């Protein structure tokens, strides 16, 4: 997880915002993790995940469906190697 200080957030906001595309970013103050910054999409997925444990494949967004299928195919290929 990327990490920036609270001071860096003010001076390097574009870099911090870009880092969220790879996942949540922790913001520290006085050497301790204080905040976690993430995209709205990441936050929505996190919130949905806490209340819903399973989804029907037809209810998943097309991009997420393709990512899931690709990941499953990769796992299957490694298992057959």
C-alpha atoms as a PDB file:
ATOM      1  CA  UNK A   1       0.000   0.000   0.000  1.00  0.00           C
ATOM      2  CA  UNK A   2       1.373   3.403  -0.930  1.00  0.00           C
ATOM      3  CA  UNK A   3       2.006   5.744   1.966  1.00  0.00           C
ATOM      4  CA  UNK A   4       2.275   9.530   2.166  1.00  0.00           C
ATOM      5  CA  UNK A   5       2.471  11.943   5.059  1.00  0.00           C
ATOM      6  CA  UNK A   6      -0.282  14.471   5.678  1.00  0.00           C
ATOM      7  CA  UNK A   7       2.137  17.225   4.619  1.00  0.00           C
ATOM      8  CA  UNK A   8       2.871  15.400   1.352  1.00  0.00           C
ATOM      9  CA  UNK A   9      -0.841  15.182   0.649  1.00  0.00           C
ATOM     10  CA  UNK A  10      -0.933  18.961   0.377  1.00  0.00           C
ATOM     11  CA  UNK A  11       2.178  19.268  -1.775  1.00  0.00           C
ATOM     12  CA  UNK A  12       1.865  16.163  -3.944  1.00  0.00           C
ATOM     13  CA  UNK A  13      -1.910  15.835  -4.267  1.00  0.00           C
ATOM     14  CA  UNK A  14      -1.808  14.759  -7.928  1.00  0.00           C
ATOM     15  CA  UNK A  15       0.701  11.987  -7.172  1.00  0.00           C
ATOM     16  CA  UNK A  16      -1.301  10.856  -4.156  1.00  0.00           C
ATOM     17  CA  UNK A  17      -4.527  10.802  -6.180  1.00  0.00           C
ATOM     18  CA  UNK A  18      -2.832   8.811  -8.956  1.00  0.00           C
ATOM     19  CA  UNK A  19      -1.554   6.291  -6.421  1.00  0.00           C
ATOM     20  CA  UNK A  20      -5.146   5.420  -5.487  1.00  0.00           C
ATOM     21  CA  UNK A  21      -5.600   3.851  -8.924  1.00  0.00           C
ATOM     22  CA  UNK A  22      -3.382   0.998  -7.664  1.00  0.00           C
ATOM     23  CA  UNK A  23      -5.340   0.646  -4.431  1.00  0.00           C
ATOM     24  CA  UNK A  24      -5.959   2.456  -1.165  1.00  0.00           C
ATOM     25  CA  UNK A  25      -3.260   4.886   0.017  1.00  0.00           C
ATOM     26  CA  UNK A  26      -2.429   5.404   3.659  1.00  0.00           C
ATOM     27  CA  UNK A  27      -1.874   8.926   4.958  1.00  0.00           C
ATOM     28  CA  UNK A  28       0.343   9.199   7.997  1.00  0.00           C
ATOM     29  CA  UNK A  29       0.856  11.878  10.592  1.00  0.00           C
ATOM     30  CA  UNK A  30       3.743  11.811  13.056  1.00  0.00           C
ATOM     31  CA  UNK A  31       4.764   8.425  11.651  1.00  0.00           C
ATOM     32  CA  UNK A  32       1.429   6.757  12.378  1.00  0.00           C
ATOM     33  CA  UNK A  33      -1.288   5.751   9.924  1.00  0.00           C
ATOM     34  CA  UNK A  34      -4.134   8.231  10.338  1.00  0.00           C
ATOM     35  CA  UNK A  35      -6.264   8.054   7.164  1.00  0.00           C
ATOM     36  CA  UNK A  36      -6.794   5.805   4.161  1.00  0.00           C
ATOM     37  CA  UNK A  37      -7.571   7.426   0.828  1.00  0.00           C
ATOM     38  CA  UNK A  38      -9.284   5.431  -1.917  1.00  0.00           C
ATOM     39  CA  UNK A  39     -11.331   5.954  -5.038  1.00  0.00           C
ATOM     40  CA  UNK A  40     -15.103   6.103  -4.740  1.00  0.00           C
ATOM     41  CA  UNK A  41     -15.289   2.834  -6.706  1.00  0.00           C
ATOM     42  CA  UNK A  42     -12.947   1.111  -4.242  1.00  0.00           C
ATOM     43  CA  UNK A  43     -14.996   2.438  -1.337  1.00  0.00           C
ATOM     44  CA  UNK A  44     -18.278   1.275  -2.897  1.00  0.00           C
ATOM     45  CA  UNK A  45     -16.843  -2.210  -3.492  1.00  0.00           C
ATOM     46  CA  UNK A  46     -15.592  -2.348   0.083  1.00  0.00           C
ATOM     47  CA  UNK A  47     -18.968  -1.319   1.481  1.00  0.00           C
ATOM     48  CA  UNK A  48     -20.797  -3.758  -0.753  1.00  0.00           C
ATOM     49  CA  UNK A  49     -18.427  -6.544   0.234  1.00  0.00           C
ATOM     50  CA  UNK A  50     -19.181  -6.082   3.914  1.00  0.00           C
ATOM     51  CA  UNK A  51     -22.903  -6.622   3.464  1.00  0.00           C
ATOM     52  CA  UNK A  52     -22.960  -9.072   0.570  1.00  0.00           C
ATOM     53  CA  UNK A  53     -20.900 -12.237   0.451  1.00  0.00           C
ATOM     54  CA  UNK A  54     -21.940 -13.583  -2.956  1.00  0.00           C
ATOM     55  CA  UNK A  55     -23.096 -12.161  -6.257  1.00  0.00           C
ATOM     56  CA  UNK A  56     -24.698 -13.709  -9.278  1.00  0.00           C
ATOM     57  CA  UNK A  57     -22.401 -13.453 -12.306  1.00  0.00           C
ATOM     58  CA  UNK A  58     -25.091 -11.496 -14.189  1.00  0.00           C
ATOM     59  CA  UNK A  59     -25.064  -8.814 -11.474  1.00  0.00           C
ATOM     60  CA  UNK A  60     -21.353  -8.045 -11.868  1.00  0.00           C
ATOM     61  CA  UNK A  61     -20.226  -5.156 -14.071  1.00  0.00           C
ATOM     62  CA  UNK A  62     -18.856  -6.355 -17.448  1.00  0.00           C
ATOM     63  CA  UNK A  63     -15.297  -5.160 -16.676  1.00  0.00           C
ATOM     64  CA  UNK A  64     -15.306  -6.901 -13.299  1.00  0.00           C
ATOM     65  CA  UNK A  65     -16.764 -10.040 -14.880  1.00  0.00           C
ATOM     66  CA  UNK A  66     -13.907 -10.150 -17.405  1.00  0.00           C
ATOM     67  CA  UNK A  67     -11.334  -9.627 -14.628  1.00  0.00           C
ATOM     68  CA  UNK A  68     -12.885 -12.454 -12.615  1.00  0.00           C
ATOM     69  CA  UNK A  69     -12.963 -14.829 -15.586  1.00  0.00           C
ATOM     70  CA  UNK A  70      -9.342 -14.005 -16.463  1.00  0.00           C
ATOM     71  CA  UNK A  71      -8.249 -14.559 -12.850  1.00  0.00           C
ATOM     72  CA  UNK A  72     -10.060 -17.898 -12.712  1.00  0.00           C
ATOM     73  CA  UNK A  73      -8.516 -18.982 -16.013  1.00  0.00           C
ATOM     74  CA  UNK A  74      -5.055 -18.069 -14.681  1.00  0.00           C
ATOM     75  CA  UNK A  75      -5.642 -20.124 -11.544  1.00  0.00           C
ATOM     76  CA  UNK A  76      -6.833 -23.062 -13.653  1.00  0.00           C
ATOM     77  CA  UNK A  77      -3.768 -22.829 -15.904  1.00  0.00           C
ATOM     78  CA  UNK A  78      -1.392 -22.847 -12.921  1.00  0.00           C
ATOM     79  CA  UNK A  79      -3.214 -25.869 -11.516  1.00  0.00           C
ATOM     80  CA  UNK A  80      -2.807 -27.749 -14.803  1.00  0.00           C
ATOM     81  CA  UNK A  81       0.929 -26.951 -15.128  1.00  0.00           C
END
